[in-house]
Protein backbone atom coordinates (compact mmCIF):
# COMPACT_ATOMS: atom_id res chain seq x y z
CA MET A 1 74.06 84.46 90.58
CA ASN A 2 77.35 82.84 89.56
CA LYS A 3 77.55 79.11 90.33
CA PRO A 4 80.55 76.75 90.17
CA PHE A 5 80.93 74.62 87.08
CA LEU A 6 81.20 70.87 87.34
CA LEU A 7 84.10 69.71 85.21
CA HIS A 8 81.99 67.03 83.55
CA GLN A 9 79.43 69.67 82.58
CA ALA A 10 79.82 72.75 80.38
CA ALA A 11 82.86 74.07 82.26
CA PRO A 12 84.98 76.92 80.92
CA ARG A 13 87.89 75.99 78.69
CA GLY A 14 90.96 78.06 78.06
CA THR A 15 92.69 80.84 80.00
CA VAL A 16 90.33 83.67 79.09
CA ALA A 17 87.20 81.72 80.04
CA TRP A 18 88.61 80.55 83.38
CA VAL A 19 89.88 84.02 84.31
CA ALA A 20 86.47 85.55 83.63
CA HIS A 21 84.66 82.79 85.56
CA LEU A 22 86.93 82.70 88.62
CA ALA A 23 87.07 86.49 88.87
CA ALA A 24 83.26 86.66 88.79
CA VAL A 25 82.58 83.95 91.38
CA THR A 26 85.42 84.77 93.79
CA LEU A 27 85.00 88.50 94.39
CA PRO A 28 81.58 89.60 93.14
CA MET A 29 80.91 91.96 96.08
CA ALA A 30 84.47 93.32 96.32
CA ALA A 31 84.77 94.17 92.61
CA PRO A 32 83.89 97.90 93.10
CA VAL A 33 86.46 98.18 95.91
CA ILE A 34 89.16 96.52 93.79
CA ALA A 35 88.31 98.84 90.89
CA ALA A 36 88.63 101.85 93.23
CA LEU A 37 91.97 100.57 94.56
CA ASN A 38 93.25 100.13 91.01
CA ARG A 39 92.48 103.77 90.19
CA LEU A 40 94.75 105.05 92.96
CA GLU A 41 98.07 106.70 92.12
CA ALA A 42 100.99 106.90 94.52
CA GLY A 43 101.70 110.60 94.01
CA SER A 44 98.21 111.98 94.55
CA ASP A 45 97.09 113.46 97.89
CA GLN A 46 93.50 112.94 96.84
CA ASP A 47 94.14 109.26 96.17
CA ARG A 48 95.76 108.84 99.58
CA ASP A 49 92.58 110.29 101.10
CA ARG A 50 90.46 107.89 99.08
CA LEU A 51 92.54 104.93 100.20
CA VAL A 52 92.07 105.87 103.86
CA ASP A 53 88.33 106.17 103.25
CA LEU A 54 88.19 102.75 101.55
CA ILE A 55 90.09 101.08 104.38
CA LEU A 56 88.06 102.70 107.15
CA ARG A 57 84.83 101.42 105.61
CA ASP A 58 86.07 97.85 106.15
CA PRO A 59 86.95 96.96 109.79
CA THR A 60 88.85 93.86 108.62
CA LEU A 61 91.07 95.86 106.26
CA THR A 62 91.58 98.48 108.96
CA ALA A 63 92.76 95.83 111.41
CA ARG A 64 95.14 94.27 108.88
CA VAL A 65 96.74 97.55 107.88
CA LEU A 66 97.31 98.46 111.53
CA ARG A 67 98.69 95.00 112.34
CA LEU A 68 101.26 95.33 109.57
CA ALA A 69 102.14 98.91 110.53
CA ASN A 70 102.75 97.84 114.13
CA SER A 71 104.69 94.70 113.23
CA SER A 72 108.44 94.33 113.63
CA ARG A 73 108.81 94.79 109.87
CA TYR A 74 108.33 98.52 110.45
CA SER A 75 109.36 98.67 114.13
CA PRO A 76 107.53 101.94 114.91
CA ASP A 77 108.88 103.99 117.82
CA GLN A 78 105.35 104.14 119.23
CA PRO A 79 102.11 102.30 118.39
CA ILE A 80 100.45 103.23 115.11
CA ASN A 81 96.81 103.87 116.02
CA THR A 82 95.35 105.28 112.82
CA VAL A 83 95.15 104.30 109.18
CA SER A 84 96.29 107.80 108.23
CA ARG A 85 99.58 107.43 110.06
CA ALA A 86 100.02 103.85 108.81
CA LEU A 87 99.68 105.12 105.25
CA ILE A 88 102.25 107.87 105.85
CA MET A 89 104.73 105.32 107.22
CA MET A 90 104.20 102.41 104.80
CA GLY A 91 103.33 104.29 101.62
CA LEU A 92 100.34 104.04 99.33
CA ASN A 93 101.67 101.22 97.16
CA THR A 94 102.37 98.90 100.09
CA VAL A 95 99.00 99.53 101.72
CA ARG A 96 97.18 99.19 98.41
CA ALA A 97 98.91 95.86 97.70
CA LEU A 98 98.02 94.60 101.18
CA CYS A 99 94.36 95.54 100.66
CA LEU A 100 94.17 93.85 97.25
CA SER A 101 95.76 90.63 98.47
CA ALA A 102 93.60 90.62 101.62
CA LEU A 103 90.43 91.03 99.55
CA VAL A 104 91.45 88.11 97.32
CA ILE A 105 92.23 85.83 100.27
CA ASP A 106 89.01 86.84 102.03
CA GLY A 107 87.10 86.02 98.85
CA VAL A 108 88.63 82.55 98.90
CA LEU A 109 88.02 81.99 102.61
CA GLY A 110 84.44 83.18 102.24
CA LYS A 111 83.75 80.03 100.25
CA GLY A 112 84.72 77.81 103.18
CA LEU A 113 88.04 76.27 104.15
CA ARG A 114 88.85 72.79 102.84
CA ARG A 115 91.92 70.71 103.51
CA HIS A 116 93.45 71.35 100.08
CA ILE A 117 92.87 75.13 100.34
CA GLU A 118 94.47 75.07 103.78
CA GLN A 119 97.54 73.33 102.35
CA ILE A 120 97.82 75.88 99.52
CA LEU A 121 97.50 78.80 101.99
CA ALA A 122 100.10 77.26 104.30
CA ARG A 123 102.59 76.93 101.48
CA SER A 124 101.70 80.40 100.20
CA LEU A 125 102.60 81.96 103.54
CA LYS A 126 105.91 80.07 103.67
CA ARG A 127 106.68 81.01 100.07
CA ALA A 128 105.92 84.68 100.68
CA CYS A 129 108.11 84.95 103.77
CA LEU A 130 110.97 83.02 102.17
CA ALA A 131 110.81 85.06 98.95
CA ARG A 132 110.96 88.33 100.88
CA GLU A 133 113.92 87.07 102.91
CA LEU A 134 115.79 85.91 99.79
CA PHE A 135 115.04 89.20 98.05
CA THR A 136 116.21 91.45 100.92
CA GLN A 137 119.37 89.36 101.30
CA ALA A 138 120.04 89.60 97.57
CA LEU A 139 119.54 93.38 97.65
CA GLY A 140 121.95 93.62 100.57
CA ALA A 141 124.55 91.59 98.69
CA GLN A 142 124.04 93.69 95.57
CA SER A 143 124.42 96.93 97.50
CA ARG A 144 127.56 95.75 99.27
CA ALA A 145 129.06 94.70 95.93
CA GLN A 146 128.35 98.18 94.57
CA GLY A 147 129.76 99.86 97.68
CA VAL A 148 126.48 101.66 98.37
CA ILE A 149 126.12 100.92 102.08
CA PRO A 150 128.81 103.33 103.39
CA VAL A 151 127.17 106.21 101.51
CA ALA A 152 123.47 105.75 102.24
CA GLU A 153 122.13 102.98 104.38
CA THR A 154 118.54 101.89 104.79
CA VAL A 155 117.39 99.18 107.17
CA ILE A 156 114.72 96.75 106.07
CA PRO A 157 113.59 94.70 109.08
CA VAL A 158 112.62 91.07 108.49
CA ALA A 159 110.76 89.74 111.50
CA ASP A 160 113.16 90.42 114.44
CA SER A 161 116.23 90.78 112.27
CA ALA A 162 117.37 93.75 110.20
CA ILE A 163 119.25 93.60 106.92
CA ALA A 164 121.18 96.63 105.69
CA VAL A 165 120.60 97.40 102.03
CA GLY A 166 121.35 100.21 99.63
CA GLU A 167 119.38 103.33 98.92
CA ASN A 168 117.57 101.66 96.00
CA ALA A 169 116.07 99.01 98.29
CA THR A 170 112.64 99.96 99.55
CA LEU A 171 109.99 98.37 101.69
CA ASP A 172 107.64 98.77 98.72
CA GLU A 173 109.81 96.38 96.71
CA ALA A 174 110.04 93.86 99.55
CA GLU A 175 106.28 93.92 100.07
CA SER A 176 105.68 93.52 96.33
CA VAL A 177 107.79 90.37 96.44
CA PHE A 178 105.83 89.13 99.44
CA ILE A 179 102.45 89.74 97.75
CA ALA A 180 103.53 88.11 94.46
CA ALA A 181 104.77 85.02 96.30
CA LEU A 182 101.64 84.90 98.47
CA LEU A 183 99.40 84.86 95.38
CA PHE A 184 101.66 82.59 93.29
CA ASN A 185 98.98 79.85 93.41
CA LEU A 186 96.09 82.28 92.97
CA ALA A 187 94.40 80.15 90.29
CA GLU A 188 94.47 77.02 92.44
CA LEU A 189 93.09 78.92 95.44
CA THR A 190 90.17 80.39 93.51
CA PHE A 191 89.52 77.15 91.62
CA TRP A 192 89.33 74.91 94.71
CA ALA A 193 87.28 77.51 96.58
CA ASN A 194 84.62 77.53 93.85
CA GLN A 195 84.58 73.94 92.57
CA PRO A 196 82.84 71.04 94.31
CA GLU A 197 85.13 68.19 95.23
CA SER A 198 84.83 65.15 92.98
CA PRO A 199 87.02 62.27 91.78
CA ALA A 200 87.50 64.16 88.50
CA HIS A 201 89.53 66.77 90.39
CA GLN A 202 92.01 64.45 92.04
CA ARG A 203 94.57 64.52 89.25
CA LEU A 204 94.66 68.34 89.45
CA SER A 205 96.22 68.07 92.91
CA ASP A 206 98.42 65.03 92.29
CA PRO A 207 101.89 65.25 93.90
CA ASP A 208 103.49 64.40 90.54
CA PRO A 209 103.91 67.65 88.52
CA ALA A 210 103.71 65.78 85.20
CA ILE A 211 100.33 64.26 86.12
CA ARG A 212 99.06 67.66 87.27
CA LEU A 213 100.10 69.43 84.06
CA THR A 214 98.46 66.76 81.90
CA ALA A 215 95.25 66.97 83.95
CA GLU A 216 95.20 70.76 83.72
CA ASN A 217 95.52 70.63 79.96
CA GLN A 218 92.82 67.96 79.62
CA LEU A 219 90.30 69.30 82.15
CA LEU A 220 90.86 73.06 81.98
CA GLY A 221 92.17 73.54 78.46
CA THR A 222 94.99 75.63 79.95
CA HIS A 223 97.30 75.65 82.97
CA PHE A 224 96.95 77.13 86.44
CA THR A 225 100.00 79.33 85.93
CA LYS A 226 98.37 80.98 82.91
CA ILE A 227 95.12 81.49 84.81
CA THR A 228 97.03 83.03 87.73
CA ALA A 229 98.81 85.44 85.39
CA GLY A 230 95.46 86.30 83.81
CA LEU A 231 93.82 86.94 87.21
CA ALA A 232 96.78 89.11 88.23
CA ARG A 233 96.25 91.27 85.16
CA HIS A 234 92.46 91.27 85.60
CA TRP A 235 92.73 92.49 89.20
CA HIS A 236 95.75 94.73 88.47
CA LEU A 237 97.92 93.00 91.05
CA GLY A 238 101.10 94.35 89.48
CA PRO A 239 103.59 93.07 86.90
CA LEU A 240 105.78 91.06 89.29
CA LEU A 241 103.49 88.03 89.65
CA PRO A 242 103.23 87.31 85.88
CA GLN A 243 106.99 87.86 85.59
CA ALA A 244 107.70 85.33 88.35
CA LEU A 245 105.39 82.79 86.67
CA SER A 246 107.27 82.97 83.37
CA ALA A 247 109.54 80.11 82.26
CA GLN A 248 112.67 82.23 82.80
CA PRO A 249 112.04 84.94 85.42
CA LEU A 250 114.22 88.01 85.02
CA GLY A 251 115.27 90.40 87.76
CA LEU A 252 116.00 89.82 91.46
CA ALA A 253 112.38 90.12 92.56
CA ALA A 254 110.93 87.62 90.07
CA ARG A 255 113.80 85.18 90.59
CA ALA A 256 113.37 85.32 94.38
CA VAL A 257 109.65 84.54 94.07
CA ALA A 258 110.20 81.66 91.63
CA LEU A 259 113.04 80.19 93.73
CA ALA A 260 110.98 80.41 96.91
CA ASP A 261 108.19 78.50 95.15
CA ARG A 262 110.57 75.67 94.19
CA ILE A 263 112.05 75.50 97.71
CA THR A 264 108.67 75.43 99.49
CA ALA A 265 107.57 72.52 97.30
CA TYR A 266 109.60 70.47 99.81
CA PRO A 267 108.73 70.10 103.52
CA PRO A 268 110.99 72.14 105.85
CA GLU A 269 112.28 68.98 107.51
CA THR A 270 113.91 67.99 104.18
CA TRP A 271 115.61 71.34 103.54
CA GLN A 272 119.00 70.05 104.74
CA SER A 273 118.89 66.92 102.61
CA PRO A 274 121.36 66.45 99.72
CA ALA A 275 118.51 66.69 97.19
CA MET A 276 117.94 70.31 98.24
CA GLN A 277 121.52 71.46 97.77
CA PRO A 278 121.10 72.64 94.13
CA LEU A 279 118.32 75.00 95.27
CA TRP A 280 120.37 76.37 98.15
CA GLN A 281 123.33 76.83 95.84
CA GLU A 282 121.05 78.82 93.55
CA ALA A 283 119.97 80.90 96.53
CA ALA A 284 123.63 81.47 97.44
CA ALA A 285 124.31 82.59 93.88
CA LEU A 286 121.34 84.97 94.09
CA ASN A 287 122.98 86.45 97.19
CA ARG A 288 126.39 86.64 95.47
CA ARG A 289 128.03 84.38 98.02
CA ASP A 290 131.56 83.23 97.21
CA THR A 291 131.00 79.75 98.64
CA PRO A 292 127.81 77.90 97.66
CA ALA A 293 125.64 76.99 100.62
CA THR A 294 125.79 73.37 101.73
CA VAL A 295 122.94 73.52 104.25
CA ALA A 296 119.78 75.59 104.39
CA PRO A 297 120.74 77.68 107.48
CA ALA A 298 123.74 79.06 105.60
CA VAL A 299 121.29 80.90 103.34
CA ILE A 300 118.18 81.37 105.45
CA ASP A 301 117.75 81.65 109.19
CA GLN A 302 114.94 79.27 110.18
CA PRO A 303 113.93 81.07 113.43
CA THR A 304 113.73 84.35 111.48
CA LEU A 305 111.55 82.70 108.85
CA SER A 306 109.29 81.20 111.54
CA ARG A 307 108.80 84.60 113.19
CA ALA A 308 108.05 86.20 109.83
CA LEU A 309 105.57 83.43 109.09
CA GLU A 310 103.77 83.93 112.39
CA GLN A 311 103.65 87.67 111.79
CA ALA A 312 102.24 87.27 108.27
CA ALA A 313 99.56 84.87 109.50
CA LYS A 314 98.42 87.46 112.05
CA VAL A 315 98.28 90.25 109.48
CA TYR A 316 96.07 88.20 107.16
CA GLY A 317 94.00 86.59 109.92
CA LEU A 318 95.34 83.13 109.05
CA GLU A 319 96.71 82.09 112.43
CA SER A 320 94.92 78.74 112.23
CA VAL A 321 96.96 77.65 109.21
CA MET A 322 100.14 78.03 111.27
CA ALA A 323 99.82 74.40 112.38
CA ALA A 324 99.88 73.30 108.76
CA ALA A 325 102.54 75.85 107.80
CA THR A 326 104.97 74.75 110.53
CA GLY A 327 104.08 71.06 110.33
CA ALA A 328 103.02 71.14 113.98
CA SER A 329 99.80 69.28 113.28
CA PRO A 330 98.53 67.31 110.29
CA VAL A 331 94.95 67.90 111.35
CA SER A 332 92.92 70.35 109.30
CA VAL A 333 92.02 73.40 111.35
CA ALA A 334 89.02 75.47 110.33
CA ILE A 335 89.42 79.22 110.05
CA LYS A 336 87.42 80.83 112.83
CA LYS A 337 86.53 84.34 111.89
CA PRO A 338 84.70 86.50 114.42
CA PRO A 339 81.09 87.15 113.47
CA ASN A 340 80.56 90.49 111.82
CA SER A 341 78.75 92.93 114.06
CA ARG A 342 77.39 96.27 113.02
CA ILE A 343 77.56 97.48 116.63
CA MET A 344 80.71 99.44 117.46
CA LYS A 345 82.28 99.42 120.90
CA SER A 346 84.23 102.27 122.40
CA ASP A 347 87.95 101.84 123.01
CA PRO A 348 89.05 104.37 125.65
CA GLN A 349 92.78 103.72 125.15
CA LEU A 350 92.53 104.04 121.37
CA GLN A 351 90.41 107.14 121.82
CA LEU A 352 93.10 108.70 124.01
CA ASN A 353 95.90 107.70 121.62
CA ILE A 354 94.17 109.21 118.59
CA LEU A 355 93.31 112.35 120.56
CA ARG A 356 96.98 112.77 121.46
CA GLU A 357 97.98 112.31 117.84
CA LEU A 358 95.34 114.81 116.75
CA ALA A 359 96.60 117.33 119.33
CA GLN A 360 100.08 117.16 117.75
CA ALA A 361 98.90 117.33 114.13
CA SER A 362 99.66 121.00 113.48
CA ALA A 363 103.03 120.80 115.26
CA HIS A 364 103.96 117.94 112.91
CA ARG A 365 102.63 119.91 109.94
CA ARG A 366 99.95 117.35 109.08
CA SER A 367 97.64 118.27 106.21
CA PRO A 368 93.98 119.20 106.72
CA HIS A 369 93.11 115.83 105.16
CA THR A 370 95.07 114.00 107.84
CA ILE A 371 93.41 116.05 110.57
CA PHE A 372 89.95 115.13 109.31
CA HIS A 373 90.90 111.47 108.99
CA LEU A 374 92.20 111.46 112.56
CA LEU A 375 88.94 113.08 113.63
CA ILE A 376 86.66 110.52 112.00
CA GLU A 377 88.85 107.60 113.14
CA GLY A 378 88.72 108.89 116.71
CA VAL A 379 84.94 109.29 116.63
CA HIS A 380 84.31 106.03 114.77
CA ARG A 381 86.90 103.57 116.10
CA GLY A 382 87.72 105.26 119.41
CA MET A 383 84.32 106.48 120.56
CA GLY A 384 82.37 103.70 118.85
CA LEU A 385 79.89 105.80 116.85
CA GLU A 386 78.82 103.69 113.89
CA ARG A 387 78.44 106.36 111.18
CA VAL A 388 80.53 109.50 110.77
CA VAL A 389 80.65 112.12 108.03
CA VAL A 390 82.54 115.39 107.59
CA ALA A 391 80.72 117.75 105.24
CA PHE A 392 82.10 120.94 103.68
CA LEU A 393 80.01 123.98 102.78
CA ARG A 394 80.23 125.62 99.41
CA GLN A 395 77.75 128.31 98.44
CA HIS A 396 75.63 127.24 101.42
CA ILE A 397 75.41 123.62 100.24
CA ALA A 398 76.79 121.00 102.64
CA LYS A 399 78.32 118.05 100.83
CA ALA A 400 79.90 114.91 102.33
CA GLN A 401 83.69 114.92 101.99
CA TYR A 402 84.76 112.11 104.35
CA CYS A 403 82.53 109.20 105.35
CA VAL A 404 83.06 106.07 107.39
CA GLY A 405 80.74 103.39 108.73
CA ASP A 406 78.25 100.79 107.62
CA GLY A 407 75.85 102.15 105.01
CA THR A 408 77.64 105.46 104.41
CA ALA A 409 79.05 104.71 100.95
CA HIS A 410 76.06 106.37 99.29
CA TRP A 411 76.42 109.47 101.47
CA TYR A 412 79.09 110.83 99.11
CA GLU A 413 76.28 111.38 96.65
CA GLN A 414 73.20 111.72 98.86
CA PHE A 415 74.52 113.75 101.80
CA ARG A 416 73.81 117.17 100.29
CA PHE A 417 71.87 119.79 102.21
CA ASP A 418 70.96 123.43 101.73
CA THR A 419 72.09 125.26 104.88
CA ARG A 420 70.52 128.64 104.19
CA PRO A 421 68.03 129.72 106.88
CA ALA A 422 65.17 129.50 104.39
CA ALA A 423 65.81 125.75 104.01
CA ASN A 424 64.57 125.26 107.58
CA SER A 425 66.37 121.91 107.78
CA LEU A 426 68.30 120.22 110.58
CA PHE A 427 71.68 121.13 109.15
CA ALA A 428 70.59 124.69 108.30
CA TYR A 429 69.62 125.06 111.97
CA ALA A 430 72.93 123.52 113.11
CA VAL A 431 75.00 125.87 110.95
CA GLN A 432 73.09 128.89 112.24
CA GLN A 433 73.63 127.83 115.85
CA GLY A 434 77.28 126.75 115.45
CA GLY A 435 79.17 124.50 117.82
CA LEU A 436 77.64 121.30 119.21
CA LEU A 437 74.10 120.13 118.53
CA TRP A 438 72.75 116.90 120.03
CA VAL A 439 69.84 115.68 117.93
CA LYS A 440 68.08 113.46 120.47
CA PRO A 441 64.36 112.63 120.73
CA ASP A 442 63.46 115.56 122.99
CA PHE A 443 65.20 117.95 120.57
CA VAL A 444 63.16 116.55 117.68
CA ARG A 445 59.93 116.98 119.64
CA ALA A 446 60.82 120.56 120.53
CA HIS A 447 61.68 121.44 116.92
CA LYS A 448 58.82 119.93 114.96
CA TYR A 449 58.75 123.00 112.75
CA LEU A 450 61.99 121.97 111.06
CA ALA A 451 61.76 120.22 107.69
CA TRP A 452 62.94 116.81 108.93
CA GLU A 453 62.09 114.88 105.78
CA ALA A 454 65.30 115.78 103.94
CA SER A 455 67.70 114.75 106.71
CA HIS A 456 65.66 111.67 107.69
CA ALA A 457 65.78 110.44 104.09
CA VAL A 458 69.57 110.22 104.34
CA THR A 459 70.34 109.56 108.01
CA GLY A 460 67.19 107.66 108.94
CA GLY A 461 66.33 110.12 111.68
CA GLU A 462 68.56 108.46 114.27
CA ASP A 463 69.90 110.01 117.46
CA GLY A 464 72.90 112.03 116.25
CA LEU A 465 75.55 114.64 117.01
CA VAL A 466 76.59 117.65 114.92
CA TYR A 467 79.51 119.98 115.45
CA VAL A 468 79.91 123.02 113.19
CA PHE A 469 83.50 124.23 112.71
CA THR A 470 84.32 127.92 112.92
CA LEU A 471 87.53 129.15 111.28
CA GLU A 472 88.43 132.84 111.09
CA GLY A 473 84.81 133.72 111.86
CA LYS A 474 83.45 131.53 109.05
CA LYS A 475 81.76 128.15 109.11
CA PRO A 476 83.38 125.96 106.42
CA GLY A 477 81.73 122.68 107.42
CA PHE A 478 80.66 120.28 110.12
CA ILE A 479 80.98 116.73 111.41
CA TYR A 480 77.93 114.53 111.96
CA ALA A 481 77.88 111.14 113.73
CA ASP A 482 75.21 108.70 114.87
CA ARG A 483 74.76 105.07 115.87
CA GLY A 484 72.93 104.19 112.68
CA GLY A 485 70.23 102.29 114.53
CA PHE A 486 72.79 99.60 115.43
CA GLY A 487 73.96 100.45 118.93
CA GLY A 488 71.20 102.33 120.74
CA LEU A 489 71.11 105.93 121.87
CA ILE A 490 74.09 108.23 122.31
CA THR A 491 75.27 108.75 125.88
CA GLN A 492 76.32 111.97 127.59
CA ALA A 493 79.90 110.67 127.77
CA GLN A 494 79.91 110.12 124.00
CA ALA A 495 78.51 113.60 123.38
CA ASP A 496 81.25 115.11 125.57
CA SER A 497 83.97 113.10 123.80
CA PHE A 498 82.56 114.04 120.40
CA GLN A 499 82.73 117.73 121.26
CA HIS A 500 86.26 117.29 122.59
CA PHE A 501 87.44 115.64 119.35
CA ALA A 502 85.74 118.26 117.17
CA LEU A 503 87.18 121.15 119.20
CA GLN A 504 90.65 119.65 119.00
CA ALA A 505 90.36 119.28 115.23
CA GLN A 506 89.18 122.87 114.95
CA ARG A 507 92.17 124.09 117.01
CA GLN A 508 94.58 122.15 114.79
CA LEU A 509 93.05 123.58 111.63
CA GLU A 510 93.29 127.10 113.10
CA ALA A 511 96.94 126.52 114.00
CA LEU A 512 97.66 125.14 110.55
CA GLN A 513 96.20 128.23 108.93
CA LYS A 514 98.30 130.53 111.10
CA HIS A 515 101.50 128.53 110.66
CA PRO A 516 101.34 126.50 107.44
CA PRO A 517 104.33 124.33 106.41
CA GLU A 518 105.47 127.09 104.04
CA THR A 519 104.75 130.58 105.31
CA THR A 520 103.91 132.13 101.95
CA PRO A 521 100.57 133.76 101.13
CA ALA A 522 100.04 131.30 98.29
CA LYS A 523 100.62 128.34 100.58
CA ARG A 524 98.35 129.82 103.24
CA ARG A 525 95.54 130.25 100.73
CA HIS A 526 96.09 126.62 99.67
CA VAL A 527 95.62 125.37 103.26
CA ILE A 528 92.37 127.28 103.64
CA ARG A 529 91.16 126.08 100.26
CA ASP A 530 91.92 122.48 101.29
CA VAL A 531 89.67 122.86 104.32
CA LYS A 532 86.86 124.30 102.21
CA ARG A 533 87.30 122.19 99.08
CA GLU A 534 84.31 120.45 97.62
């Protein structure tokens, strides 16, 4: 087990040593998830599916993605209820960056919130919101100077405002700026989260930058900026953060992040003081303003920034640092995170919303992958069934294709069952019968002749539901769901809802096969192959 070093003991020295140590002690459990996120590519349908799967396995990540998707930054016409739709709207890169930054912050908060960490987080939120605002304004100024706006206009909302920018401005870029600014003090966050407080540390947080730099060199054998850049590369957080940390940042994005860091070094109440004017003039120059700003509001709208800050705190579950971030209270407020519960609760309104979205999937030409993701989200998050898996059949072998729920990560490898009649197993019986099968205690007693050992070894023998899909007279797969021993037995209402969801998914897949996005034989074969892929 990794333990924090005491600086007077054999502590790491140098950038490489500190990066290795802080990476190991901050996110030991999340390392496989981060590695999986880093393997994703924006252009791959398969990687988009994997990202949805990764998010759905973590209720906290699911909540954060949906909060951002439903925020005024994206201003959806109607509520975004599913991760699948959020990913379509925000894009893989934005969602991936949100997940990576959320995992890092959660790793820090998991160590316990101290006053100094709270102060760093408060400034990080302010820096991130300000950097994004400066960047979007600069892009707008650049586009207007190039005469792009009249030709192609894109709106990037910032809190309740909207800034018109050119066709080269994307939400991906704005969110990359936000994430880089949020993690600008990544080394300090991870260091203070993993090091015990002692008098030896005091100089590392001294208000005087010269004292801090000397202490970093003496105590760490390097500097926090170098460690942050190293952690960004180690966790593949993108090139922007190291660029912004350089002595002379190049490019609008890096300059906006670095400038926001220098501005947020000062309390907001001093932003209109004469000492701040050089920074605001630099911000005005970044925005290509003819007349340098003389007061902060000429460059940045404070109410807009406050709304963006409140929104960001909600997305990351950091509402309690708002008091520190806005200066409303000097008292340290502990982060209160709800206790993790393995028991799911049904959400009738969410269930109805996802069912409506599922019913429109074929009309909107959604892919089979999206249909299955809507199905498992409806059963898992809407109905409240703790474990859900969609398995596809190939040469009579059922193999897990989509999984969600506590303890299902290993199902991708272990959920494999022979469905030929001779196998005499639960899933062989279900495939033969077709349609809905409720595997409750009286069913088990009445079917003792089945070879239960194989299915029990994977599912634990819990009360479960199976629905076998039928497409064009064939049975390409099934969905299985249970409560995983966490939430008791399945009710009749849940069984009815489960069948309703499965039937709706089956109808959408049938409609998609009859009327694929491109009505060519090759495309039609592709849709069917997608449904039956291994």
